[in-house]
Amino acid sequence: MAVKTSKAEKKIKYDHKLCQLLDDYTQILIAAADNVGSNQLQNIRRGLRGDSVGNVGLIFTKGDLKEVSEEVAKYKVGAPARVGLVAPVDVVVPPGNTGLDPSQTSFFQVCSLNCCQLFSSVY
């Protein structure tokens, strides 16, 4: 059976690794990874393999920061709306026919939007 290391030993080992990375690499790119799926992070890591090392949030590189930033930006994709998340952009529903049938009025009620049914459509 393998010997289990304590939390303190793990933290010390992690600290040494981080200090070594800070000594070895001259440039660090800090990346926010909010609402990023594991598959997307894996694709970004594959794209940066050989050019960077370290954790997801800190990208240590000896190369050009602009090139690394562009490589990460290539993997940026839009994400569908999820409950509880704040939209990064304003959402505007213009007045008029929405093209939705009356069974979908609950969507507008959840979003606190006023709507009415007229001629089998939601307005």
PDB file of N, CA and C in Angstrom:
ATOM      1  N   MET A   1       0.832  -1.173   0.000  1.00  0.00           N
ATOM      2  CA  MET A   1       0.000   0.000   0.000  1.00  0.00           C
ATOM      3  C   MET A   1       0.884   1.246   0.000  1.00  0.00           C
ATOM      4  N   ALA A   2       0.495   2.236  -0.794  1.00  0.00           N
ATOM      5  CA  ALA A   2       1.285   3.455  -0.913  1.00  0.00           C
ATOM      6  C   ALA A   2       1.151   4.312   0.343  1.00  0.00           C
ATOM      7  N   VAL A   3       2.208   5.004   0.661  1.00  0.00           N
ATOM      8  CA  VAL A   3       2.218   5.883   1.824  1.00  0.00           C
ATOM      9  C   VAL A   3       1.518   7.183   1.443  1.00  0.00           C
ATOM     10  N   LYS A   4       0.565   7.596   2.260  1.00  0.00           N
ATOM     11  CA  LYS A   4      -0.193   8.807   1.996  1.00  0.00           C
ATOM     12  C   LYS A   4       0.556  10.018   2.550  1.00  0.00           C
ATOM     13  N   THR A   5       0.708  11.057   1.725  1.00  0.00           N
ATOM     14  CA  THR A   5       1.386  12.267   2.192  1.00  0.00           C
ATOM     15  C   THR A   5       0.373  13.189   2.861  1.00  0.00           C
ATOM     16  N   SER A   6       0.834  13.953   3.823  1.00  0.00           N
ATOM     17  CA  SER A   6      -0.053  14.860   4.548  1.00  0.00           C
ATOM     18  C   SER A   6      -0.329  16.102   3.706  1.00  0.00           C
ATOM     19  N   LYS A   7      -1.338  16.856   4.118  1.00  0.00           N
ATOM     20  CA  LYS A   7      -1.687  18.085   3.412  1.00  0.00           C
ATOM     21  C   LYS A   7      -0.532  19.075   3.444  1.00  0.00           C
ATOM     22  N   ALA A   8       0.139  19.157   4.566  1.00  0.00           N
ATOM     23  CA  ALA A   8       1.264  20.092   4.697  1.00  0.00           C
ATOM     24  C   ALA A   8       2.380  19.733   3.720  1.00  0.00           C
ATOM     25  N   GLU A   9       2.672  18.440   3.581  1.00  0.00           N
ATOM     26  CA  GLU A   9       3.717  18.017   2.642  1.00  0.00           C
ATOM     27  C   GLU A   9       3.321  18.324   1.203  1.00  0.00           C
ATOM     28  N   LYS A  10       2.037  18.128   0.881  1.00  0.00           N
ATOM     29  CA  LYS A  10       1.554  18.443  -0.471  1.00  0.00           C
ATOM     30  C   LYS A  10       1.693  19.938  -0.755  1.00  0.00           C
ATOM     31  N   LYS A  11       1.357  20.760   0.236  1.00  0.00           N
ATOM     32  CA  LYS A  11       1.455  22.209   0.063  1.00  0.00           C
ATOM     33  C   LYS A  11       2.902  22.645  -0.110  1.00  0.00           C
ATOM     34  N   ILE A  12       3.804  22.046   0.640  1.00  0.00           N
ATOM     35  CA  ILE A  12       5.227  22.382   0.520  1.00  0.00           C
ATOM     36  C   ILE A  12       5.742  21.989  -0.858  1.00  0.00           C
ATOM     37  N   LYS A  13       5.358  20.806  -1.323  1.00  0.00           N
ATOM     38  CA  LYS A  13       5.774  20.338  -2.645  1.00  0.00           C
ATOM     39  C   LYS A  13       5.233  21.263  -3.741  1.00  0.00           C
ATOM     40  N   TYR A  14       3.960  21.666  -3.603  1.00  0.00           N
ATOM     41  CA  TYR A  14       3.344  22.577  -4.567  1.00  0.00           C
ATOM     42  C   TYR A  14       4.044  23.932  -4.552  1.00  0.00           C
ATOM     43  N   ASP A  15       4.389  24.414  -3.360  1.00  0.00           N
ATOM     44  CA  ASP A  15       5.084  25.693  -3.223  1.00  0.00           C
ATOM     45  C   ASP A  15       6.442  25.655  -3.920  1.00  0.00           C
ATOM     46  N   HIS A  16       7.181  24.562  -3.737  1.00  0.00           N
ATOM     47  CA  HIS A  16       8.487  24.431  -4.397  1.00  0.00           C
ATOM     48  C   HIS A  16       8.331  24.423  -5.918  1.00  0.00           C
ATOM     49  N   LYS A  17       7.308  23.727  -6.398  1.00  0.00           N
ATOM     50  CA  LYS A  17       7.075  23.663  -7.846  1.00  0.00           C
ATOM     51  C   LYS A  17       6.733  25.049  -8.394  1.00  0.00           C
ATOM     52  N   LEU A  18       5.867  25.787  -7.702  1.00  0.00           N
ATOM     53  CA  LEU A  18       5.486  27.126  -8.141  1.00  0.00           C
ATOM     54  C   LEU A  18       6.684  28.068  -8.128  1.00  0.00           C
ATOM     55  N   CYS A  19       7.490  28.019  -7.084  1.00  0.00           N
ATOM     56  CA  CYS A  19       8.684  28.872  -7.005  1.00  0.00           C
ATOM     57  C   CYS A  19       9.667  28.548  -8.125  1.00  0.00           C
ATOM     58  N   GLN A  20       9.815  27.267  -8.445  1.00  0.00           N
ATOM     59  CA  GLN A  20      10.707  26.862  -9.532  1.00  0.00           C
ATOM     60  C   GLN A  20      10.202  27.399 -10.875  1.00  0.00           C
ATOM     61  N   LEU A  21       8.884  27.330 -11.109  1.00  0.00           N
ATOM     62  CA  LEU A  21       8.311  27.864 -12.347  1.00  0.00           C
ATOM     63  C   LEU A  21       8.510  29.376 -12.431  1.00  0.00           C
ATOM     64  N   LEU A  22       8.340  30.074 -11.310  1.00  0.00           N
ATOM     65  CA  LEU A  22       8.539  31.527 -11.301  1.00  0.00           C
ATOM     66  C   LEU A  22       9.992  31.893 -11.573  1.00  0.00           C
ATOM     67  N   ASP A  23      10.928  31.058 -11.137  1.00  0.00           N
ATOM     68  CA  ASP A  23      12.347  31.305 -11.406  1.00  0.00           C
ATOM     69  C   ASP A  23      12.711  31.007 -12.859  1.00  0.00           C
ATOM     70  N   ASP A  24      12.122  29.952 -13.429  1.00  0.00           N
ATOM     71  CA  ASP A  24      12.502  29.497 -14.770  1.00  0.00           C
ATOM     72  C   ASP A  24      11.891  30.324 -15.896  1.00  0.00           C
ATOM     73  N   TYR A  25      10.663  30.790 -15.726  1.00  0.00           N
ATOM     74  CA  TYR A  25       9.951  31.465 -16.812  1.00  0.00           C
ATOM     75  C   TYR A  25       9.892  32.962 -16.564  1.00  0.00           C
ATOM     76  N   THR A  26      10.094  33.725 -17.648  1.00  0.00           N
ATOM     77  CA  THR A  26      10.149  35.177 -17.535  1.00  0.00           C
ATOM     78  C   THR A  26       8.786  35.829 -17.695  1.00  0.00           C
ATOM     79  N   GLN A  27       7.835  35.127 -18.314  1.00  0.00           N
ATOM     80  CA  GLN A  27       6.531  35.728 -18.580  1.00  0.00           C
ATOM     81  C   GLN A  27       5.418  34.787 -18.138  1.00  0.00           C
ATOM     82  N   ILE A  28       4.351  35.383 -17.605  1.00  0.00           N
ATOM     83  CA  ILE A  28       3.201  34.611 -17.140  1.00  0.00           C
ATOM     84  C   ILE A  28       1.944  35.253 -17.701  1.00  0.00           C
ATOM     85  N   LEU A  29       1.070  34.434 -18.262  1.00  0.00           N
ATOM     86  CA  LEU A  29      -0.228  34.889 -18.745  1.00  0.00           C
ATOM     87  C   LEU A  29      -1.281  34.371 -17.771  1.00  0.00           C
ATOM     88  N   ILE A  30      -2.086  35.269 -17.229  1.00  0.00           N
ATOM     89  CA  ILE A  30      -3.133  34.873 -16.289  1.00  0.00           C
ATOM     90  C   ILE A  30      -4.433  34.740 -17.067  1.00  0.00           C
ATOM     91  N   ALA A  31      -5.041  33.565 -17.005  1.00  0.00           N
ATOM     92  CA  ALA A  31      -6.249  33.282 -17.779  1.00  0.00           C
ATOM     93  C   ALA A  31      -7.409  32.987 -16.841  1.00  0.00           C
ATOM     94  N   ALA A  32      -8.535  33.643 -17.098  1.00  0.00           N
ATOM     95  CA  ALA A  32      -9.754  33.347 -16.341  1.00  0.00           C
ATOM     96  C   ALA A  32     -10.447  32.169 -17.003  1.00  0.00           C
ATOM     97  N   ALA A  33     -10.830  31.188 -16.232  1.00  0.00           N
ATOM     98  CA  ALA A  33     -11.435  29.976 -16.782  1.00  0.00           C
ATOM     99  C   ALA A  33     -12.843  29.759 -16.238  1.00  0.00           C
ATOM    100  N   ASP A  34     -13.601  30.847 -16.080  1.00  0.00           N
ATOM    101  CA  ASP A  34     -14.974  30.726 -15.605  1.00  0.00           C
ATOM    102  C   ASP A  34     -15.847  30.137 -16.705  1.00  0.00           C
ATOM    103  N   ASN A  35     -16.704  29.213 -16.339  1.00  0.00           N
ATOM    104  CA  ASN A  35     -17.665  28.588 -17.251  1.00  0.00           C
ATOM    105  C   ASN A  35     -17.005  27.932 -18.458  1.00  0.00           C
ATOM    106  N   VAL A  36     -15.830  27.389 -18.272  1.00  0.00           N
ATOM    107  CA  VAL A  36     -15.114  26.697 -19.339  1.00  0.00           C
ATOM    108  C   VAL A  36     -15.189  25.203 -19.052  1.00  0.00           C
ATOM    109  N   GLY A  37     -15.627  24.450 -20.041  1.00  0.00           N
ATOM    110  CA  GLY A  37     -15.760  23.010 -19.869  1.00  0.00           C
ATOM    111  C   GLY A  37     -14.418  22.304 -19.874  1.00  0.00           C
ATOM    112  N   SER A  38     -14.398  21.098 -19.330  1.00  0.00           N
ATOM    113  CA  SER A  38     -13.142  20.351 -19.244  1.00  0.00           C
ATOM    114  C   SER A  38     -12.621  19.972 -20.624  1.00  0.00           C
ATOM    115  N   ASN A  39     -13.516  19.688 -21.566  1.00  0.00           N
ATOM    116  CA  ASN A  39     -13.087  19.343 -22.923  1.00  0.00           C
ATOM    117  C   ASN A  39     -12.412  20.539 -23.592  1.00  0.00           C
ATOM    118  N   GLN A  40     -12.966  21.723 -23.398  1.00  0.00           N
ATOM    119  CA  GLN A  40     -12.378  22.932 -23.973  1.00  0.00           C
ATOM    120  C   GLN A  40     -11.013  23.217 -23.347  1.00  0.00           C
ATOM    121  N   LEU A  41     -10.879  23.033 -22.037  1.00  0.00           N
ATOM    122  CA  LEU A  41      -9.582  23.231 -21.383  1.00  0.00           C
ATOM    123  C   LEU A  41      -8.552  22.238 -21.906  1.00  0.00           C
ATOM    124  N   GLN A  42      -8.980  21.005 -22.146  1.00  0.00           N
ATOM    125  CA  GLN A  42      -8.063  20.001 -22.679  1.00  0.00           C
ATOM    126  C   GLN A  42      -7.573  20.398 -24.069  1.00  0.00           C
ATOM    127  N   ASN A  43      -8.471  20.942 -24.908  1.00  0.00           N
ATOM    128  CA  ASN A  43      -8.071  21.395 -26.246  1.00  0.00           C
ATOM    129  C   ASN A  43      -7.078  22.550 -26.166  1.00  0.00           C
ATOM    130  N   ILE A  44      -7.280  23.457 -25.226  1.00  0.00           N
ATOM    131  CA  ILE A  44      -6.351  24.579 -25.048  1.00  0.00           C
ATOM    132  C   ILE A  44      -4.988  24.055 -24.608  1.00  0.00           C
ATOM    133  N   ARG A  45      -4.983  23.112 -23.677  1.00  0.00           N
ATOM    134  CA  ARG A  45      -3.710  22.537 -23.216  1.00  0.00           C
ATOM    135  C   ARG A  45      -2.971  21.859 -24.359  1.00  0.00           C
ATOM    136  N   ARG A  46      -3.712  21.136 -25.218  1.00  0.00           N
ATOM    137  CA  ARG A  46      -3.073  20.496 -26.374  1.00  0.00           C
ATOM    138  C   ARG A  46      -2.466  21.543 -27.299  1.00  0.00           C
ATOM    139  N   GLY A  47      -3.192  22.651 -27.504  1.00  0.00           N
ATOM    140  CA  GLY A  47      -2.704  23.704 -28.385  1.00  0.00           C
ATOM    141  C   GLY A  47      -1.460  24.396 -27.854  1.00  0.00           C
ATOM    142  N   LEU A  48      -1.324  24.448 -26.530  1.00  0.00           N
ATOM    143  CA  LEU A  48      -0.183  25.129 -25.909  1.00  0.00           C
ATOM    144  C   LEU A  48       0.936  24.168 -25.520  1.00  0.00           C
ATOM    145  N   ARG A  49       0.744  22.887 -25.766  1.00  0.00           N
ATOM    146  CA  ARG A  49       1.735  21.887 -25.355  1.00  0.00           C
ATOM    147  C   ARG A  49       3.097  22.202 -25.968  1.00  0.00           C
ATOM    148  N   GLY A  50       4.116  22.163 -25.172  1.00  0.00           N
ATOM    149  CA  GLY A  50       5.471  22.449 -25.637  1.00  0.00           C
ATOM    150  C   GLY A  50       5.825  23.918 -25.528  1.00  0.00           C
ATOM    151  N   ASP A  51       4.810  24.784 -25.528  1.00  0.00           N
ATOM    152  CA  ASP A  51       5.069  26.223 -25.463  1.00  0.00           C
ATOM    153  C   ASP A  51       4.869  26.760 -24.055  1.00  0.00           C
ATOM    154  N   SER A  52       4.125  26.044 -23.240  1.00  0.00           N
ATOM    155  CA  SER A  52       3.859  26.536 -21.890  1.00  0.00           C
ATOM    156  C   SER A  52       3.769  25.367 -20.921  1.00  0.00           C
ATOM    157  N   VAL A  53       3.797  25.700 -19.653  1.00  0.00           N
ATOM    158  CA  VAL A  53       3.737  24.684 -18.606  1.00  0.00           C
ATOM    159  C   VAL A  53       3.057  25.309 -17.399  1.00  0.00           C
ATOM    160  N   GLY A  54       2.428  24.512 -16.575  1.00  0.00           N
ATOM    161  CA  GLY A  54       1.839  25.049 -15.353  1.00  0.00           C
ATOM    162  C   GLY A  54       0.357  24.793 -15.255  1.00  0.00           C
ATOM    163  N   ASN A  55      -0.284  25.510 -14.352  1.00  0.00           N
ATOM    164  CA  ASN A  55      -1.697  25.333 -14.078  1.00  0.00           C
ATOM    165  C   ASN A  55      -2.557  26.000 -15.132  1.00  0.00           C
ATOM    166  N   VAL A  56      -3.837  25.734 -15.057  1.00  0.00           N
ATOM    167  CA  VAL A  56      -4.775  26.297 -16.010  1.00  0.00           C
ATOM    168  C   VAL A  56      -4.809  27.820 -15.915  1.00  0.00           C
ATOM    169  N   GLY A  57      -4.861  28.356 -14.712  1.00  0.00           N
ATOM    170  CA  GLY A  57      -4.989  29.793 -14.526  1.00  0.00           C
ATOM    171  C   GLY A  57      -3.719  30.573 -14.780  1.00  0.00           C
ATOM    172  N   LEU A  58      -2.575  29.941 -14.616  1.00  0.00           N
ATOM    173  CA  LEU A  58      -1.289  30.589 -14.851  1.00  0.00           C
ATOM    174  C   LEU A  58      -0.579  29.858 -15.984  1.00  0.00           C
ATOM    175  N   ILE A  59      -0.306  30.572 -17.063  1.00  0.00           N
ATOM    176  CA  ILE A  59       0.385  29.976 -18.203  1.00  0.00           C
ATOM    177  C   ILE A  59       1.787  30.561 -18.238  1.00  0.00           C
ATOM    178  N   PHE A  60       2.764  29.748 -17.874  1.00  0.00           N
ATOM    179  CA  PHE A  60       4.160  30.172 -17.873  1.00  0.00           C
ATOM    180  C   PHE A  60       4.737  29.931 -19.258  1.00  0.00           C
ATOM    181  N   THR A  61       5.416  30.927 -19.817  1.00  0.00           N
ATOM    182  CA  THR A  61       5.992  30.762 -21.144  1.00  0.00           C
ATOM    183  C   THR A  61       7.262  31.585 -21.279  1.00  0.00           C
ATOM    184  N   LYS A  62       8.145  31.113 -22.127  1.00  0.00           N
ATOM    185  CA  LYS A  62       9.333  31.882 -22.483  1.00  0.00           C
ATOM    186  C   LYS A  62       9.134  32.534 -23.843  1.00  0.00           C
ATOM    187  N   GLY A  63       8.038  32.207 -24.497  1.00  0.00           N
ATOM    188  CA  GLY A  63       7.729  32.752 -25.814  1.00  0.00           C
ATOM    189  C   GLY A  63       7.052  34.105 -25.727  1.00  0.00           C
ATOM    190  N   ASP A  64       6.500  34.526 -26.858  1.00  0.00           N
ATOM    191  CA  ASP A  64       5.832  35.819 -26.959  1.00  0.00           C
ATOM    192  C   ASP A  64       4.433  35.725 -26.338  1.00  0.00           C
ATOM    193  N   LEU A  65       4.114  36.645 -25.435  1.00  0.00           N
ATOM    194  CA  LEU A  65       2.813  36.622 -24.771  1.00  0.00           C
ATOM    195  C   LEU A  65       1.667  36.814 -25.760  1.00  0.00           C
ATOM    196  N   LYS A  66       1.886  37.626 -26.783  1.00  0.00           N
ATOM    197  CA  LYS A  66       0.833  37.873 -27.769  1.00  0.00           C
ATOM    198  C   LYS A  66       0.490  36.585 -28.514  1.00  0.00           C
ATOM    199  N   GLU A  67       1.504  35.813 -28.891  1.00  0.00           N
ATOM    200  CA  GLU A  67       1.263  34.556 -29.598  1.00  0.00           C
ATOM    201  C   GLU A  67       0.516  33.564 -28.711  1.00  0.00           C
ATOM    202  N   VAL A  68       0.897  33.477 -27.449  1.00  0.00           N
ATOM    203  CA  VAL A  68       0.226  32.564 -26.520  1.00  0.00           C
ATOM    204  C   VAL A  68      -1.218  33.004 -26.306  1.00  0.00           C
ATOM    205  N   SER A  69      -1.431  34.309 -26.161  1.00  0.00           N
ATOM    206  CA  SER A  69      -2.776  34.833 -25.976  1.00  0.00           C
ATOM    207  C   SER A  69      -3.648  34.540 -27.194  1.00  0.00           C
ATOM    208  N   GLU A  70      -3.082  34.684 -28.392  1.00  0.00           N
ATOM    209  CA  GLU A  70      -3.828  34.381 -29.616  1.00  0.00           C
ATOM    210  C   GLU A  70      -4.153  32.895 -29.703  1.00  0.00           C
ATOM    211  N   GLU A  71      -3.236  32.043 -29.262  1.00  0.00           N
ATOM    212  CA  GLU A  71      -3.468  30.596 -29.277  1.00  0.00           C
ATOM    213  C   GLU A  71      -4.629  30.239 -28.349  1.00  0.00           C
ATOM    214  N   VAL A  72      -4.682  30.858 -27.182  1.00  0.00           N
ATOM    215  CA  VAL A  72      -5.782  30.603 -26.249  1.00  0.00           C
ATOM    216  C   VAL A  72      -7.091  31.141 -26.827  1.00  0.00           C
ATOM    217  N   ALA A  73      -7.052  32.311 -27.465  1.00  0.00           N
ATOM    218  CA  ALA A  73      -8.256  32.929 -28.018  1.00  0.00           C
ATOM    219  C   ALA A  73      -8.857  32.102 -29.152  1.00  0.00           C
ATOM    220  N   LYS A  74      -8.042  31.274 -29.815  1.00  0.00           N
ATOM    221  CA  LYS A  74      -8.564  30.436 -30.899  1.00  0.00           C
ATOM    222  C   LYS A  74      -9.606  29.450 -30.391  1.00  0.00           C
ATOM    223  N   TYR A  75      -9.544  29.109 -29.127  1.00  0.00           N
ATOM    224  CA  TYR A  75     -10.442  28.108 -28.561  1.00  0.00           C
ATOM    225  C   TYR A  75     -11.666  28.722 -27.889  1.00  0.00           C
ATOM    226  N   LYS A  76     -11.846  30.027 -28.027  1.00  0.00           N
ATOM    227  CA  LYS A  76     -12.981  30.693 -27.404  1.00  0.00           C
ATOM    228  C   LYS A  76     -14.254  30.362 -28.184  1.00  0.00           C
ATOM    229  N   VAL A  77     -15.256  29.870 -27.485  1.00  0.00           N
ATOM    230  CA  VAL A  77     -16.536  29.532 -28.101  1.00  0.00           C
ATOM    231  C   VAL A  77     -17.657  30.101 -27.243  1.00  0.00           C
ATOM    232  N   GLY A  78     -18.780  30.352 -27.871  1.00  0.00           N
ATOM    233  CA  GLY A  78     -19.946  30.825 -27.148  1.00  0.00           C
ATOM    234  C   GLY A  78     -20.551  29.701 -26.332  1.00  0.00           C
ATOM    235  N   ALA A  79     -21.099  30.030 -25.204  1.00  0.00           N
ATOM    236  CA  ALA A  79     -21.707  29.020 -24.339  1.00  0.00           C
ATOM    237  C   ALA A  79     -23.200  29.295 -24.218  1.00  0.00           C
ATOM    238  N   PRO A  80     -23.997  28.249 -24.132  1.00  0.00           N
ATOM    239  CA  PRO A  80     -25.436  28.461 -23.968  1.00  0.00           C
ATOM    240  C   PRO A  80     -25.752  29.034 -22.587  1.00  0.00           C
ATOM    241  N   ALA A  81     -26.880  29.703 -22.502  1.00  0.00           N
ATOM    242  CA  ALA A  81     -27.305  30.288 -21.228  1.00  0.00           C
ATOM    243  C   ALA A  81     -27.610  29.183 -20.225  1.00  0.00           C
ATOM    244  N   ARG A  82     -27.242  29.427 -18.974  1.00  0.00           N
ATOM    245  CA  ARG A  82     -27.533  28.480 -17.899  1.00  0.00           C
ATOM    246  C   ARG A  82     -28.163  29.225 -16.735  1.00  0.00           C
ATOM    247  N   VAL A  83     -28.933  28.525 -15.970  1.00  0.00           N
ATOM    248  CA  VAL A  83     -29.630  29.115 -14.829  1.00  0.00           C
ATOM    249  C   VAL A  83     -28.617  29.642 -13.820  1.00  0.00           C
ATOM    250  N   GLY A  84     -28.831  30.881 -13.373  1.00  0.00           N
ATOM    251  CA  GLY A  84     -27.989  31.456 -12.335  1.00  0.00           C
ATOM    252  C   GLY A  84     -26.794  32.237 -12.839  1.00  0.00           C
ATOM    253  N   LEU A  85     -26.478  32.161 -14.138  1.00  0.00           N
ATOM    254  CA  LEU A  85     -25.336  32.897 -14.676  1.00  0.00           C
ATOM    255  C   LEU A  85     -25.780  34.252 -15.198  1.00  0.00           C
ATOM    256  N   VAL A  86     -24.924  35.233 -15.064  1.00  0.00           N
ATOM    257  CA  VAL A  86     -25.194  36.568 -15.573  1.00  0.00           C
ATOM    258  C   VAL A  86     -24.716  36.627 -17.016  1.00  0.00           C
ATOM    259  N   ALA A  87     -25.564  37.134 -17.905  1.00  0.00           N
ATOM    260  CA  ALA A  87     -25.212  37.224 -19.319  1.00  0.00           C
ATOM    261  C   ALA A  87     -24.100  38.250 -19.507  1.00  0.00           C
ATOM    262  N   PRO A  88     -23.075  37.942 -20.320  1.00  0.00           N
ATOM    263  CA  PRO A  88     -21.984  38.888 -20.538  1.00  0.00           C
ATOM    264  C   PRO A  88     -22.380  40.066 -21.430  1.00  0.00           C
ATOM    265  N   VAL A  89     -23.495  39.935 -22.151  1.00  0.00           N
ATOM    266  CA  VAL A  89     -23.980  41.006 -23.017  1.00  0.00           C
ATOM    267  C   VAL A  89     -25.463  41.229 -22.726  1.00  0.00           C
ATOM    268  N   ASP A  90     -25.966  42.403 -23.081  1.00  0.00           N
ATOM    269  CA  ASP A  90     -27.380  42.692 -22.898  1.00  0.00           C
ATOM    270  C   ASP A  90     -28.208  41.887 -23.896  1.00  0.00           C
ATOM    271  N   VAL A  91     -29.341  41.384 -23.433  1.00  0.00           N
ATOM    272  CA  VAL A  91     -30.256  40.636 -24.286  1.00  0.00           C
ATOM    273  C   VAL A  91     -31.484  41.503 -24.508  1.00  0.00           C
ATOM    274  N   VAL A  92     -31.810  41.766 -25.777  1.00  0.00           N
ATOM    275  CA  VAL A  92     -32.937  42.621 -26.117  1.00  0.00           C
ATOM    276  C   VAL A  92     -33.937  41.805 -26.929  1.00  0.00           C
ATOM    277  N   VAL A  93     -35.184  41.769 -26.460  1.00  0.00           N
ATOM    278  CA  VAL A  93     -36.258  41.124 -27.208  1.00  0.00           C
ATOM    279  C   VAL A  93     -37.111  42.247 -27.780  1.00  0.00           C
ATOM    280  N   PRO A  94     -37.055  42.448 -29.116  1.00  0.00           N
ATOM    281  CA  PRO A  94     -37.813  43.550 -29.708  1.00  0.00           C
ATOM    282  C   PRO A  94     -39.319  43.297 -29.598  1.00  0.00           C
ATOM    283  N   PRO A  95     -40.115  44.369 -29.487  1.00  0.00           N
ATOM    284  CA  PRO A  95     -41.564  44.187 -29.402  1.00  0.00           C
ATOM    285  C   PRO A  95     -42.108  43.616 -30.711  1.00  0.00           C
ATOM    286  N   GLY A  96     -43.160  42.839 -30.598  1.00  0.00           N
ATOM    287  CA  GLY A  96     -43.778  42.253 -31.786  1.00  0.00           C
ATOM    288  C   GLY A  96     -43.873  40.751 -31.660  1.00  0.00           C
ATOM    289  N   ASN A  97     -44.235  40.120 -32.752  1.00  0.00           N
ATOM    290  CA  ASN A  97     -44.412  38.674 -32.776  1.00  0.00           C
ATOM    291  C   ASN A  97     -43.069  37.984 -32.562  1.00  0.00           C
ATOM    292  N   THR A  98     -43.032  37.052 -31.608  1.00  0.00           N
ATOM    293  CA  THR A  98     -41.797  36.326 -31.317  1.00  0.00           C
ATOM    294  C   THR A  98     -41.652  35.076 -32.170  1.00  0.00           C
ATOM    295  N   GLY A  99     -42.752  34.626 -32.773  1.00  0.00           N
ATOM    296  CA  GLY A  99     -42.703  33.400 -33.557  1.00  0.00           C
ATOM    297  C   GLY A  99     -42.844  32.154 -32.708  1.00  0.00           C
ATOM    298  N   LEU A 100     -43.070  32.325 -31.407  1.00  0.00           N
ATOM    299  CA  LEU A 100     -43.219  31.185 -30.501  1.00  0.00           C
ATOM    300  C   LEU A 100     -44.697  30.887 -30.287  1.00  0.00           C
ATOM    301  N   ASP A 101     -45.008  29.611 -30.059  1.00  0.00           N
ATOM    302  CA  ASP A 101     -46.395  29.242 -29.798  1.00  0.00           C
ATOM    303  C   ASP A 101     -46.726  29.495 -28.324  1.00  0.00           C
ATOM    304  N   PRO A 102     -48.024  29.555 -27.987  1.00  0.00           N
ATOM    305  CA  PRO A 102     -48.439  29.901 -26.619  1.00  0.00           C
ATOM    306  C   PRO A 102     -47.928  28.962 -25.531  1.00  0.00           C
ATOM    307  N   SER A 103     -47.501  27.755 -25.874  1.00  0.00           N
ATOM    308  CA  SER A 103     -47.012  26.838 -24.839  1.00  0.00           C
ATOM    309  C   SER A 103     -45.656  27.271 -24.285  1.00  0.00           C
ATOM    310  N   GLN A 104     -45.005  28.235 -24.907  1.00  0.00           N
ATOM    311  CA  GLN A 104     -43.674  28.655 -24.478  1.00  0.00           C
ATOM    312  C   GLN A 104     -43.673  29.990 -23.733  1.00  0.00           C
ATOM    313  N   THR A 105     -44.834  30.409 -23.231  1.00  0.00           N
ATOM    314  CA  THR A 105     -44.886  31.661 -22.468  1.00  0.00           C
ATOM    315  C   THR A 105     -44.143  31.547 -21.139  1.00  0.00           C
ATOM    316  N   SER A 106     -43.975  30.328 -20.633  1.00  0.00           N
ATOM    317  CA  SER A 106     -43.272  30.157 -19.356  1.00  0.00           C
ATOM    318  C   SER A 106     -41.829  30.644 -19.453  1.00  0.00           C
ATOM    319  N   PHE A 107     -41.227  30.550 -20.638  1.00  0.00           N
ATOM    320  CA  PHE A 107     -39.857  31.052 -20.835  1.00  0.00           C
ATOM    321  C   PHE A 107     -39.787  32.541 -20.526  1.00  0.00           C
ATOM    322  N   PHE A 108     -40.753  33.305 -21.033  1.00  0.00           N
ATOM    323  CA  PHE A 108     -40.758  34.746 -20.796  1.00  0.00           C
ATOM    324  C   PHE A 108     -41.078  35.065 -19.338  1.00  0.00           C
ATOM    325  N   GLN A 109     -41.933  34.269 -18.711  1.00  0.00           N
ATOM    326  CA  GLN A 109     -42.269  34.493 -17.309  1.00  0.00           C
ATOM    327  C   GLN A 109     -41.054  34.266 -16.414  1.00  0.00           C
ATOM    328  N   VAL A 110     -40.242  33.261 -16.724  1.00  0.00           N
ATOM    329  CA  VAL A 110     -39.022  33.002 -15.955  1.00  0.00           C
ATOM    330  C   VAL A 110     -38.065  34.178 -16.079  1.00  0.00           C
ATOM    331  N   CYS A 111     -38.034  34.802 -17.258  1.00  0.00           N
ATOM    332  CA  CYS A 111     -37.139  35.942 -17.498  1.00  0.00           C
ATOM    333  C   CYS A 111     -37.745  37.261 -17.038  1.00  0.00           C
ATOM    334  N   SER A 112     -38.916  37.227 -16.412  1.00  0.00           N
ATOM    335  CA  SER A 112     -39.629  38.424 -15.940  1.00  0.00           C
ATOM    336  C   SER A 112     -39.940  39.382 -17.079  1.00  0.00           C
ATOM    337  N   LEU A 113     -40.334  38.829 -18.231  1.00  0.00           N
ATOM    338  CA  LEU A 113     -40.718  39.639 -19.382  1.00  0.00           C
ATOM    339  C   LEU A 113     -42.226  39.536 -19.571  1.00  0.00           C
ATOM    340  N   ASN A 114     -42.870  40.686 -19.802  1.00  0.00           N
ATOM    341  CA  ASN A 114     -44.304  40.681 -20.049  1.00  0.00           C
ATOM    342  C   ASN A 114     -44.563  40.193 -21.464  1.00  0.00           C
ATOM    343  N   CYS A 115     -45.584  39.368 -21.621  1.00  0.00           N
ATOM    344  CA  CYS A 115     -45.956  38.901 -22.951  1.00  0.00           C
ATOM    345  C   CYS A 115     -47.452  38.644 -22.978  1.00  0.00           C
ATOM    346  N   CYS A 116     -48.004  38.598 -24.171  1.00  0.00           N
ATOM    347  CA  CYS A 116     -49.414  38.281 -24.319  1.00  0.00           C
ATOM    348  C   CYS A 116     -49.592  37.340 -25.504  1.00  0.00           C
ATOM    349  N   GLN A 117     -50.707  36.603 -25.488  1.00  0.00           N
ATOM    350  CA  GLN A 117     -51.005  35.676 -26.571  1.00  0.00           C
ATOM    351  C   GLN A 117     -52.067  36.302 -27.459  1.00  0.00           C
ATOM    352  N   LEU A 118     -51.801  36.286 -28.755  1.00  0.00           N
ATOM    353  CA  LEU A 118     -52.735  36.865 -29.706  1.00  0.00           C
ATOM    354  C   LEU A 118     -52.634  36.080 -31.000  1.00  0.00           C
ATOM    355  N   PHE A 119     -53.734  35.554 -31.476  1.00  0.00           N
ATOM    356  CA  PHE A 119     -53.769  34.787 -32.725  1.00  0.00           C
ATOM    357  C   PHE A 119     -52.777  33.621 -32.708  1.00  0.00           C
ATOM    358  N   SER A 120     -52.782  32.853 -31.662  1.00  0.00           N
ATOM    359  CA  SER A 120     -51.929  31.661 -31.513  1.00  0.00           C
ATOM    360  C   SER A 120     -50.441  31.970 -31.588  1.00  0.00           C
ATOM    361  N   SER A 121     -50.050  33.173 -31.214  1.00  0.00           N
ATOM    362  CA  SER A 121     -48.635  33.547 -31.157  1.00  0.00           C
ATOM    363  C   SER A 121     -48.377  34.330 -29.881  1.00  0.00           C
ATOM    364  N   VAL A 122     -47.144  34.390 -29.487  1.00  0.00           N
ATOM    365  CA  VAL A 122     -46.752  35.137 -28.297  1.00  0.00           C
ATOM    366  C   VAL A 122     -46.207  36.487 -28.736  1.00  0.00           C
ATOM    367  N   TYR A 123     -46.774  37.565 -28.131  1.00  0.00           N
ATOM    368  CA  TYR A 123     -46.316  38.925 -28.436  1.00  0.00           C
ATOM    369  C   TYR A 123     -45.723  39.548 -27.197  1.00  0.00           C
TER     370      TYR A 123
END
